[in-house]
Amino acid sequence: MSTKGPAEDIFPLIYGELKKVARRYLNRERRNHTLQPTALVNEAWLRLEHQHGSEWQGRTHGLAIAAQAMRRLLVDHGRGQKRQKRGGGAAPVTLDDLIRAATTGAVPIEDLLTLESALTRLEDVDPRAAQVVSLRFFSGMSSPEVAEHLGVSVRTVEADWTHARAWLKRELAGERED
């Protein structure tokens, strides 16, 4: 399934995998989340369907693009929830806490929004490292899958992952680089 093609041809082939990614995302969310995995995948597809240039480079490319769309949907949804609550004074969060929480249970939306904000700043400094974090943390891709998607070696992905983790750790601790 590594052939190139229009998104509408590849999407049905990876739909099951996308539902697994959506379930993983939603397992990190609060228990009473209003979105379901199927709805999240379908909503992401609706967003992607309206984008131009939707030529996907194969399975991993499709997974990456759709997972990114699902991540943005959840972030947008979380921002809306946070606006409704008008909460402030969020407690500090560390990257290690986020990674541990993501593998063991729900991650509070405030923490995901904090990570999203730091990841946006990392994109300005090192776009590929930010992409590696996004694909590994949010999409659940393995290093070889990320390497295939980005067209780089696994060693490069691991180096970017190490760099990004250190950068994000400093950023989340408030020691911002200039």
N, C-alpha and C. Protein backbone atom coordinates (compact mmCIF):
# COMPACT_ATOMS: atom_id res chain seq x y z
N MET A 1 0.82 -1.19 0.00
CA MET A 1 0.00 0.00 0.00
C MET A 1 0.87 1.25 0.00
N SER A 2 2.07 1.18 -0.50
CA SER A 2 2.96 2.34 -0.48
C SER A 2 2.85 3.16 -1.76
N THR A 3 1.86 2.86 -2.59
CA THR A 3 1.70 3.64 -3.81
C THR A 3 1.10 4.99 -3.51
N LYS A 4 1.46 5.94 -4.35
CA LYS A 4 0.91 7.29 -4.21
C LYS A 4 -0.50 7.29 -4.76
N GLY A 5 -1.27 8.25 -4.32
CA GLY A 5 -2.62 8.36 -4.87
C GLY A 5 -3.40 9.45 -4.19
N PRO A 6 -4.56 9.70 -4.74
CA PRO A 6 -5.42 10.71 -4.13
C PRO A 6 -5.85 10.27 -2.73
N ALA A 7 -6.06 11.24 -1.88
CA ALA A 7 -6.44 10.97 -0.50
C ALA A 7 -7.69 10.09 -0.44
N GLU A 8 -8.64 10.34 -1.33
CA GLU A 8 -9.89 9.58 -1.27
C GLU A 8 -9.69 8.11 -1.61
N ASP A 9 -8.57 7.74 -2.26
CA ASP A 9 -8.27 6.34 -2.53
C ASP A 9 -7.57 5.67 -1.36
N ILE A 10 -6.70 6.42 -0.68
CA ILE A 10 -5.91 5.86 0.42
C ILE A 10 -6.69 5.87 1.73
N PHE A 11 -7.51 6.89 1.94
CA PHE A 11 -8.23 7.03 3.21
C PHE A 11 -8.99 5.77 3.60
N PRO A 12 -9.78 5.16 2.71
CA PRO A 12 -10.50 3.95 3.12
C PRO A 12 -9.57 2.80 3.51
N LEU A 13 -8.38 2.76 2.94
CA LEU A 13 -7.44 1.69 3.23
C LEU A 13 -6.82 1.82 4.62
N ILE A 14 -6.76 3.04 5.14
CA ILE A 14 -6.14 3.26 6.45
C ILE A 14 -7.17 3.64 7.51
N TYR A 15 -8.45 3.56 7.17
CA TYR A 15 -9.51 3.98 8.08
C TYR A 15 -9.43 3.26 9.42
N GLY A 16 -9.22 1.95 9.40
CA GLY A 16 -9.13 1.17 10.64
C GLY A 16 -7.98 1.64 11.51
N GLU A 17 -6.84 1.92 10.89
CA GLU A 17 -5.69 2.41 11.64
C GLU A 17 -5.98 3.79 12.24
N LEU A 18 -6.68 4.62 11.47
CA LEU A 18 -7.02 5.95 11.97
C LEU A 18 -7.96 5.87 13.16
N LYS A 19 -8.87 4.91 13.16
CA LYS A 19 -9.75 4.74 14.32
C LYS A 19 -8.95 4.35 15.55
N LYS A 20 -7.89 3.54 15.36
CA LYS A 20 -7.02 3.18 16.49
C LYS A 20 -6.30 4.41 17.02
N VAL A 21 -5.82 5.25 16.11
CA VAL A 21 -5.16 6.49 16.52
C VAL A 21 -6.15 7.37 17.26
N ALA A 22 -7.38 7.47 16.74
CA ALA A 22 -8.41 8.28 17.39
C ALA A 22 -8.73 7.74 18.78
N ARG A 23 -8.82 6.42 18.91
CA ARG A 23 -9.08 5.83 20.23
C ARG A 23 -7.94 6.17 21.20
N ARG A 24 -6.71 6.09 20.69
CA ARG A 24 -5.55 6.42 21.53
C ARG A 24 -5.62 7.89 21.97
N TYR A 25 -5.94 8.78 21.04
CA TYR A 25 -6.10 10.20 21.38
C TYR A 25 -7.16 10.36 22.47
N LEU A 26 -8.31 9.76 22.24
CA LEU A 26 -9.43 9.97 23.16
C LEU A 26 -9.21 9.28 24.49
N ASN A 27 -8.40 8.22 24.53
CA ASN A 27 -8.06 7.60 25.81
C ASN A 27 -7.22 8.53 26.67
N ARG A 28 -6.56 9.48 26.04
CA ARG A 28 -5.75 10.47 26.76
C ARG A 28 -6.61 11.62 27.27
N GLU A 29 -7.82 11.71 26.79
CA GLU A 29 -8.72 12.80 27.16
C GLU A 29 -9.53 12.41 28.39
N ARG A 30 -10.31 13.35 28.86
CA ARG A 30 -11.15 13.08 30.03
C ARG A 30 -12.19 12.00 29.67
N ARG A 31 -12.70 11.35 30.66
CA ARG A 31 -13.61 10.21 30.46
C ARG A 31 -14.93 10.61 29.77
N ASN A 32 -15.44 11.78 30.06
CA ASN A 32 -16.74 12.17 29.52
C ASN A 32 -16.61 13.02 28.26
N HIS A 33 -15.59 12.73 27.46
CA HIS A 33 -15.37 13.51 26.24
C HIS A 33 -16.56 13.34 25.30
N THR A 34 -16.93 14.41 24.62
CA THR A 34 -18.11 14.38 23.76
C THR A 34 -17.83 13.77 22.39
N LEU A 35 -16.58 13.67 22.00
CA LEU A 35 -16.24 13.08 20.70
C LEU A 35 -16.00 11.59 20.84
N GLN A 36 -16.38 10.85 19.82
CA GLN A 36 -16.13 9.42 19.73
C GLN A 36 -15.09 9.18 18.63
N PRO A 37 -14.37 8.04 18.66
CA PRO A 37 -13.33 7.79 17.65
C PRO A 37 -13.83 7.92 16.21
N THR A 38 -14.97 7.35 15.90
CA THR A 38 -15.49 7.43 14.54
C THR A 38 -15.78 8.87 14.15
N ALA A 39 -16.36 9.62 15.06
CA ALA A 39 -16.67 11.03 14.77
C ALA A 39 -15.39 11.83 14.57
N LEU A 40 -14.37 11.54 15.36
CA LEU A 40 -13.10 12.25 15.24
C LEU A 40 -12.44 11.97 13.89
N VAL A 41 -12.43 10.71 13.48
CA VAL A 41 -11.85 10.35 12.18
C VAL A 41 -12.64 11.01 11.05
N ASN A 42 -13.96 10.93 11.13
CA ASN A 42 -14.79 11.50 10.07
C ASN A 42 -14.67 13.02 10.00
N GLU A 43 -14.60 13.66 11.16
CA GLU A 43 -14.44 15.12 11.18
C GLU A 43 -13.10 15.53 10.60
N ALA A 44 -12.07 14.75 10.93
CA ALA A 44 -10.74 15.03 10.37
C ALA A 44 -10.78 14.87 8.84
N TRP A 45 -11.46 13.84 8.37
CA TRP A 45 -11.56 13.63 6.92
C TRP A 45 -12.27 14.80 6.25
N LEU A 46 -13.33 15.29 6.89
CA LEU A 46 -14.04 16.44 6.31
C LEU A 46 -13.12 17.64 6.18
N ARG A 47 -12.28 17.86 7.19
CA ARG A 47 -11.32 18.96 7.10
C ARG A 47 -10.32 18.73 5.98
N LEU A 48 -9.83 17.52 5.89
CA LEU A 48 -8.81 17.20 4.88
C LEU A 48 -9.38 17.22 3.46
N GLU A 49 -10.62 16.83 3.35
CA GLU A 49 -11.28 16.75 2.05
C GLU A 49 -11.34 18.11 1.36
N HIS A 50 -11.40 19.16 2.17
CA HIS A 50 -11.52 20.51 1.62
C HIS A 50 -10.17 21.16 1.34
N GLN A 51 -9.09 20.47 1.68
CA GLN A 51 -7.77 21.00 1.40
C GLN A 51 -7.37 20.65 -0.03
N HIS A 52 -6.68 21.55 -0.65
CA HIS A 52 -6.20 21.31 -2.00
C HIS A 52 -4.87 20.59 -1.93
N GLY A 53 -4.52 19.92 -3.02
CA GLY A 53 -3.25 19.22 -3.07
C GLY A 53 -3.24 18.00 -2.17
N SER A 54 -4.34 17.27 -2.18
CA SER A 54 -4.46 16.13 -1.29
C SER A 54 -3.92 14.85 -1.93
N GLU A 55 -2.75 14.92 -2.52
CA GLU A 55 -2.07 13.76 -3.06
C GLU A 55 -1.24 13.16 -1.93
N TRP A 56 -1.60 11.98 -1.46
CA TRP A 56 -0.90 11.36 -0.36
C TRP A 56 0.20 10.45 -0.90
N GLN A 57 1.30 10.41 -0.21
CA GLN A 57 2.46 9.66 -0.64
C GLN A 57 2.44 8.20 -0.17
N GLY A 58 1.32 7.74 0.32
CA GLY A 58 1.20 6.37 0.79
C GLY A 58 0.62 6.30 2.19
N ARG A 59 0.71 5.11 2.78
CA ARG A 59 0.10 4.81 4.07
C ARG A 59 0.60 5.73 5.19
N THR A 60 1.92 5.80 5.39
CA THR A 60 2.42 6.59 6.51
C THR A 60 2.14 8.07 6.32
N HIS A 61 2.20 8.53 5.07
CA HIS A 61 1.89 9.94 4.80
C HIS A 61 0.43 10.22 5.13
N GLY A 62 -0.46 9.33 4.71
CA GLY A 62 -1.88 9.48 5.02
C GLY A 62 -2.15 9.45 6.51
N LEU A 63 -1.50 8.51 7.21
CA LEU A 63 -1.66 8.43 8.66
C LEU A 63 -1.19 9.72 9.33
N ALA A 64 -0.06 10.22 8.88
CA ALA A 64 0.50 11.44 9.49
C ALA A 64 -0.42 12.63 9.27
N ILE A 65 -0.90 12.79 8.06
CA ILE A 65 -1.76 13.94 7.75
C ILE A 65 -3.08 13.85 8.52
N ALA A 66 -3.69 12.67 8.52
CA ALA A 66 -4.98 12.50 9.20
C ALA A 66 -4.81 12.62 10.72
N ALA A 67 -3.73 12.07 11.26
CA ALA A 67 -3.49 12.18 12.70
C ALA A 67 -3.27 13.64 13.10
N GLN A 68 -2.58 14.38 12.25
CA GLN A 68 -2.37 15.82 12.51
C GLN A 68 -3.72 16.54 12.53
N ALA A 69 -4.59 16.20 11.59
CA ALA A 69 -5.91 16.83 11.54
C ALA A 69 -6.71 16.48 12.80
N MET A 70 -6.62 15.23 13.26
CA MET A 70 -7.33 14.84 14.48
C MET A 70 -6.77 15.59 15.69
N ARG A 71 -5.46 15.71 15.74
CA ARG A 71 -4.82 16.45 16.84
C ARG A 71 -5.32 17.89 16.86
N ARG A 72 -5.36 18.53 15.71
CA ARG A 72 -5.83 19.92 15.65
C ARG A 72 -7.30 20.02 16.06
N LEU A 73 -8.10 19.04 15.68
CA LEU A 73 -9.50 19.04 16.10
C LEU A 73 -9.62 18.97 17.63
N LEU A 74 -8.84 18.08 18.24
CA LEU A 74 -8.90 17.95 19.69
C LEU A 74 -8.38 19.20 20.39
N VAL A 75 -7.34 19.80 19.84
CA VAL A 75 -6.82 21.04 20.43
C VAL A 75 -7.87 22.13 20.32
N ASP A 76 -8.49 22.26 19.14
CA ASP A 76 -9.55 23.26 18.96
C ASP A 76 -10.70 23.00 19.93
N HIS A 77 -11.07 21.75 20.07
CA HIS A 77 -12.14 21.37 20.98
C HIS A 77 -11.76 21.72 22.41
N GLY A 78 -10.51 21.43 22.78
CA GLY A 78 -10.03 21.74 24.13
C GLY A 78 -10.00 23.22 24.40
N ARG A 79 -9.57 23.99 23.41
CA ARG A 79 -9.56 25.45 23.58
C ARG A 79 -10.97 25.96 23.82
N GLY A 80 -11.92 25.39 23.09
CA GLY A 80 -13.31 25.79 23.29
C GLY A 80 -13.79 25.44 24.70
N GLN A 81 -13.41 24.26 25.18
CA GLN A 81 -13.78 23.86 26.54
C GLN A 81 -13.13 24.78 27.57
N LYS A 82 -11.88 25.11 27.35
CA LYS A 82 -11.16 25.98 28.30
C LYS A 82 -11.78 27.36 28.32
N ARG A 83 -12.15 27.87 27.14
CA ARG A 83 -12.81 29.18 27.08
C ARG A 83 -14.10 29.17 27.87
N GLN A 84 -14.84 28.06 27.76
CA GLN A 84 -16.10 27.97 28.48
C GLN A 84 -15.88 27.97 29.99
N LYS A 85 -14.82 27.33 30.42
CA LYS A 85 -14.54 27.27 31.86
C LYS A 85 -13.92 28.54 32.39
N ARG A 86 -13.24 29.30 31.50
CA ARG A 86 -12.56 30.53 31.89
C ARG A 86 -11.53 30.29 32.98
N GLY A 87 -10.93 29.11 32.93
CA GLY A 87 -9.94 28.76 33.95
C GLY A 87 -8.61 29.40 33.68
N GLY A 88 -7.86 29.63 34.70
CA GLY A 88 -6.52 30.17 34.57
C GLY A 88 -5.63 29.55 35.61
N GLY A 89 -4.41 29.99 35.65
CA GLY A 89 -3.48 29.50 36.66
C GLY A 89 -3.17 28.04 36.54
N ALA A 90 -2.94 27.55 35.32
CA ALA A 90 -2.65 26.15 35.12
C ALA A 90 -1.33 25.78 35.81
N ALA A 91 -1.30 24.59 36.39
CA ALA A 91 -0.09 24.12 37.06
C ALA A 91 0.98 23.80 36.02
N PRO A 92 2.26 23.92 36.40
CA PRO A 92 3.33 23.60 35.46
C PRO A 92 3.27 22.14 35.03
N VAL A 93 3.69 21.86 33.82
CA VAL A 93 3.67 20.51 33.28
C VAL A 93 5.04 20.21 32.71
N THR A 94 5.45 18.95 32.82
CA THR A 94 6.72 18.55 32.23
C THR A 94 6.45 17.59 31.09
N LEU A 95 7.37 17.53 30.15
CA LEU A 95 7.22 16.63 29.02
C LEU A 95 7.18 15.18 29.48
N ASP A 96 8.02 14.82 30.43
CA ASP A 96 8.02 13.44 30.93
C ASP A 96 6.67 13.08 31.54
N ASP A 97 6.06 14.03 32.26
CA ASP A 97 4.73 13.79 32.83
C ASP A 97 3.70 13.55 31.71
N LEU A 98 3.80 14.35 30.67
CA LEU A 98 2.87 14.20 29.55
C LEU A 98 3.05 12.85 28.86
N ILE A 99 4.28 12.47 28.62
CA ILE A 99 4.53 11.19 27.95
C ILE A 99 4.04 10.04 28.83
N ARG A 100 4.34 10.09 30.11
CA ARG A 100 3.90 9.05 31.03
C ARG A 100 2.37 9.00 31.10
N ALA A 101 1.75 10.16 31.21
CA ALA A 101 0.28 10.21 31.28
C ALA A 101 -0.35 9.72 29.99
N ALA A 102 0.27 10.04 28.86
CA ALA A 102 -0.29 9.63 27.58
C ALA A 102 -0.28 8.12 27.42
N THR A 103 0.69 7.46 28.03
CA THR A 103 0.75 6.00 27.90
C THR A 103 -0.06 5.29 28.98
N THR A 104 -0.40 5.99 30.06
CA THR A 104 -1.11 5.33 31.15
C THR A 104 -2.55 5.80 31.34
N GLY A 105 -2.94 6.89 30.74
CA GLY A 105 -4.30 7.35 30.95
C GLY A 105 -4.56 8.71 30.36
N ALA A 106 -5.50 9.41 30.96
CA ALA A 106 -5.95 10.69 30.43
C ALA A 106 -4.94 11.81 30.70
N VAL A 107 -4.80 12.69 29.73
CA VAL A 107 -3.97 13.87 29.87
C VAL A 107 -4.92 15.06 29.96
N PRO A 108 -4.83 15.86 31.02
CA PRO A 108 -5.73 17.02 31.13
C PRO A 108 -5.57 17.95 29.93
N ILE A 109 -6.66 18.52 29.48
CA ILE A 109 -6.63 19.37 28.29
C ILE A 109 -5.70 20.56 28.49
N GLU A 110 -5.60 21.08 29.70
CA GLU A 110 -4.69 22.20 29.94
C GLU A 110 -3.25 21.80 29.62
N ASP A 111 -2.88 20.56 29.98
CA ASP A 111 -1.53 20.08 29.70
C ASP A 111 -1.30 19.91 28.21
N LEU A 112 -2.31 19.39 27.50
CA LEU A 112 -2.18 19.25 26.05
C LEU A 112 -2.06 20.61 25.37
N LEU A 113 -2.81 21.58 25.87
CA LEU A 113 -2.73 22.92 25.30
C LEU A 113 -1.36 23.54 25.56
N THR A 114 -0.79 23.28 26.74
CA THR A 114 0.55 23.76 27.06
C THR A 114 1.56 23.13 26.12
N LEU A 115 1.45 21.82 25.92
CA LEU A 115 2.35 21.13 24.99
C LEU A 115 2.16 21.64 23.57
N GLU A 116 0.94 21.85 23.16
CA GLU A 116 0.66 22.35 21.81
C GLU A 116 1.32 23.72 21.61
N SER A 117 1.23 24.56 22.60
CA SER A 117 1.84 25.89 22.51
C SER A 117 3.37 25.78 22.41
N ALA A 118 3.97 24.92 23.23
CA ALA A 118 5.43 24.72 23.17
C ALA A 118 5.82 24.10 21.84
N LEU A 119 5.03 23.19 21.34
CA LEU A 119 5.32 22.54 20.05
C LEU A 119 5.26 23.55 18.90
N THR A 120 4.35 24.49 18.99
CA THR A 120 4.26 25.55 17.98
C THR A 120 5.53 26.39 17.99
N ARG A 121 6.06 26.68 19.19
CA ARG A 121 7.31 27.43 19.27
C ARG A 121 8.48 26.60 18.74
N LEU A 122 8.47 25.30 19.00
CA LEU A 122 9.52 24.43 18.48
C LEU A 122 9.49 24.40 16.96
N GLU A 123 8.31 24.45 16.37
CA GLU A 123 8.19 24.47 14.90
C GLU A 123 8.94 25.65 14.30
N ASP A 124 8.96 26.78 15.02
CA ASP A 124 9.69 27.96 14.55
C ASP A 124 11.20 27.74 14.59
N VAL A 125 11.67 26.98 15.58
CA VAL A 125 13.10 26.76 15.77
C VAL A 125 13.60 25.56 14.95
N ASP A 126 12.85 24.46 14.99
CA ASP A 126 13.27 23.22 14.34
C ASP A 126 12.02 22.46 13.85
N PRO A 127 11.57 22.79 12.64
CA PRO A 127 10.33 22.21 12.13
C PRO A 127 10.33 20.68 12.08
N ARG A 128 11.45 20.08 11.68
CA ARG A 128 11.46 18.61 11.58
C ARG A 128 11.36 17.98 12.97
N ALA A 129 12.06 18.53 13.96
CA ALA A 129 11.98 17.99 15.32
C ALA A 129 10.55 18.08 15.84
N ALA A 130 9.88 19.19 15.55
CA ALA A 130 8.48 19.35 15.97
C ALA A 130 7.60 18.31 15.28
N GLN A 131 7.90 18.04 14.03
CA GLN A 131 7.14 17.04 13.29
C GLN A 131 7.37 15.65 13.88
N VAL A 132 8.60 15.35 14.28
CA VAL A 132 8.91 14.06 14.90
C VAL A 132 8.11 13.90 16.20
N VAL A 133 8.07 14.94 17.02
CA VAL A 133 7.31 14.88 18.27
C VAL A 133 5.84 14.65 17.97
N SER A 134 5.32 15.41 17.03
CA SER A 134 3.91 15.27 16.67
C SER A 134 3.58 13.86 16.21
N LEU A 135 4.42 13.32 15.35
CA LEU A 135 4.16 11.99 14.81
C LEU A 135 4.34 10.90 15.87
N ARG A 136 5.34 11.04 16.72
CA ARG A 136 5.58 10.02 17.75
C ARG A 136 4.57 10.14 18.89
N PHE A 137 4.40 11.36 19.41
CA PHE A 137 3.55 11.54 20.59
C PHE A 137 2.07 11.48 20.24
N PHE A 138 1.67 12.27 19.27
CA PHE A 138 0.25 12.37 18.96
C PHE A 138 -0.25 11.26 18.04
N SER A 139 0.55 10.88 17.05
CA SER A 139 0.10 9.88 16.09
C SER A 139 0.43 8.47 16.53
N GLY A 140 1.36 8.34 17.47
CA GLY A 140 1.72 7.02 17.95
C GLY A 140 2.57 6.22 16.98
N MET A 141 3.20 6.91 16.02
CA MET A 141 4.04 6.23 15.05
C MET A 141 5.36 5.81 15.69
N SER A 142 5.90 4.72 15.20
CA SER A 142 7.21 4.27 15.64
C SER A 142 8.29 5.08 14.93
N SER A 143 9.50 4.99 15.43
CA SER A 143 10.61 5.71 14.77
C SER A 143 10.78 5.30 13.32
N PRO A 144 10.71 3.99 12.99
CA PRO A 144 10.83 3.62 11.57
C PRO A 144 9.70 4.19 10.70
N GLU A 145 8.49 4.25 11.24
CA GLU A 145 7.38 4.83 10.48
C GLU A 145 7.59 6.33 10.26
N VAL A 146 8.06 7.01 11.29
CA VAL A 146 8.34 8.44 11.17
C VAL A 146 9.45 8.66 10.14
N ALA A 147 10.49 7.82 10.21
CA ALA A 147 11.60 7.94 9.26
C ALA A 147 11.11 7.73 7.83
N GLU A 148 10.26 6.74 7.63
CA GLU A 148 9.72 6.50 6.29
C GLU A 148 8.91 7.70 5.81
N HIS A 149 8.07 8.22 6.69
CA HIS A 149 7.23 9.36 6.33
C HIS A 149 8.05 10.59 5.97
N LEU A 150 9.09 10.86 6.77
CA LEU A 150 9.89 12.06 6.55
C LEU A 150 11.00 11.86 5.53
N GLY A 151 11.26 10.61 5.15
CA GLY A 151 12.32 10.34 4.18
C GLY A 151 13.71 10.55 4.75
N VAL A 152 13.86 10.22 6.04
CA VAL A 152 15.16 10.33 6.70
C VAL A 152 15.46 8.99 7.37
N SER A 153 16.65 8.86 7.93
CA SER A 153 17.03 7.61 8.60
C SER A 153 16.39 7.54 9.99
N VAL A 154 16.31 6.33 10.52
CA VAL A 154 15.80 6.12 11.87
C VAL A 154 16.71 6.83 12.86
N ARG A 155 18.00 6.79 12.61
CA ARG A 155 18.97 7.47 13.48
C ARG A 155 18.68 8.98 13.54
N THR A 156 18.33 9.58 12.40
CA THR A 156 17.99 11.01 12.36
C THR A 156 16.74 11.28 13.18
N VAL A 157 15.75 10.41 13.05
CA VAL A 157 14.51 10.56 13.83
C VAL A 157 14.81 10.48 15.32
N GLU A 158 15.63 9.51 15.72
CA GLU A 158 15.98 9.37 17.14
C GLU A 158 16.73 10.60 17.64
N ALA A 159 17.63 11.13 16.82
CA ALA A 159 18.37 12.34 17.21
C ALA A 159 17.42 13.53 17.35
N ASP A 160 16.50 13.68 16.39
CA ASP A 160 15.51 14.76 16.47
C ASP A 160 14.62 14.59 17.70
N TRP A 161 14.24 13.35 18.01
CA TRP A 161 13.38 13.06 19.17
C TRP A 161 14.11 13.46 20.46
N THR A 162 15.39 13.11 20.56
CA THR A 162 16.19 13.45 21.73
C THR A 162 16.32 14.97 21.87
N HIS A 163 16.65 15.62 20.77
CA HIS A 163 16.78 17.09 20.76
C HIS A 163 15.46 17.75 21.15
N ALA A 164 14.39 17.31 20.54
CA ALA A 164 13.08 17.92 20.78
C ALA A 164 12.64 17.72 22.23
N ARG A 165 12.88 16.54 22.77
CA ARG A 165 12.50 16.29 24.16
C ARG A 165 13.26 17.23 25.10
N ALA A 166 14.56 17.40 24.85
CA ALA A 166 15.35 18.29 25.70
C ALA A 166 14.87 19.74 25.55
N TRP A 167 14.61 20.15 24.32
CA TRP A 167 14.15 21.52 24.06
C TRP A 167 12.81 21.76 24.74
N LEU A 168 11.89 20.81 24.56
CA LEU A 168 10.56 20.95 25.15
C LEU A 168 10.63 20.91 26.68
N LYS A 169 11.51 20.10 27.21
CA LYS A 169 11.67 20.04 28.66
C LYS A 169 12.08 21.41 29.20
N ARG A 170 13.04 22.05 28.55
CA ARG A 170 13.46 23.39 28.96
C ARG A 170 12.31 24.39 28.77
N GLU A 171 11.65 24.29 27.65
CA GLU A 171 10.56 25.23 27.34
C GLU A 171 9.42 25.10 28.34
N LEU A 172 9.05 23.87 28.65
CA LEU A 172 7.96 23.65 29.59
C LEU A 172 8.35 24.03 31.02
N ALA A 173 9.65 24.03 31.29
CA ALA A 173 10.13 24.45 32.61
C ALA A 173 10.27 25.97 32.68
N GLY A 174 10.05 26.66 31.56
CA GLY A 174 10.09 28.10 31.56
C GLY A 174 11.45 28.69 31.21
N GLU A 175 12.39 27.83 30.81
CA GLU A 175 13.72 28.28 30.45
C GLU A 175 13.80 28.44 28.93
N ARG A 176 13.07 29.35 28.41
CA ARG A 176 12.91 29.55 26.97
C ARG A 176 14.22 29.94 26.30
N GLU A 177 14.51 29.29 25.17
CA GLU A 177 15.68 29.67 24.37
C GLU A 177 15.34 30.88 23.51
N ASP A 178 16.34 31.71 23.24
CA ASP A 178 16.13 32.85 22.36
C ASP A 178 16.80 32.63 21.04
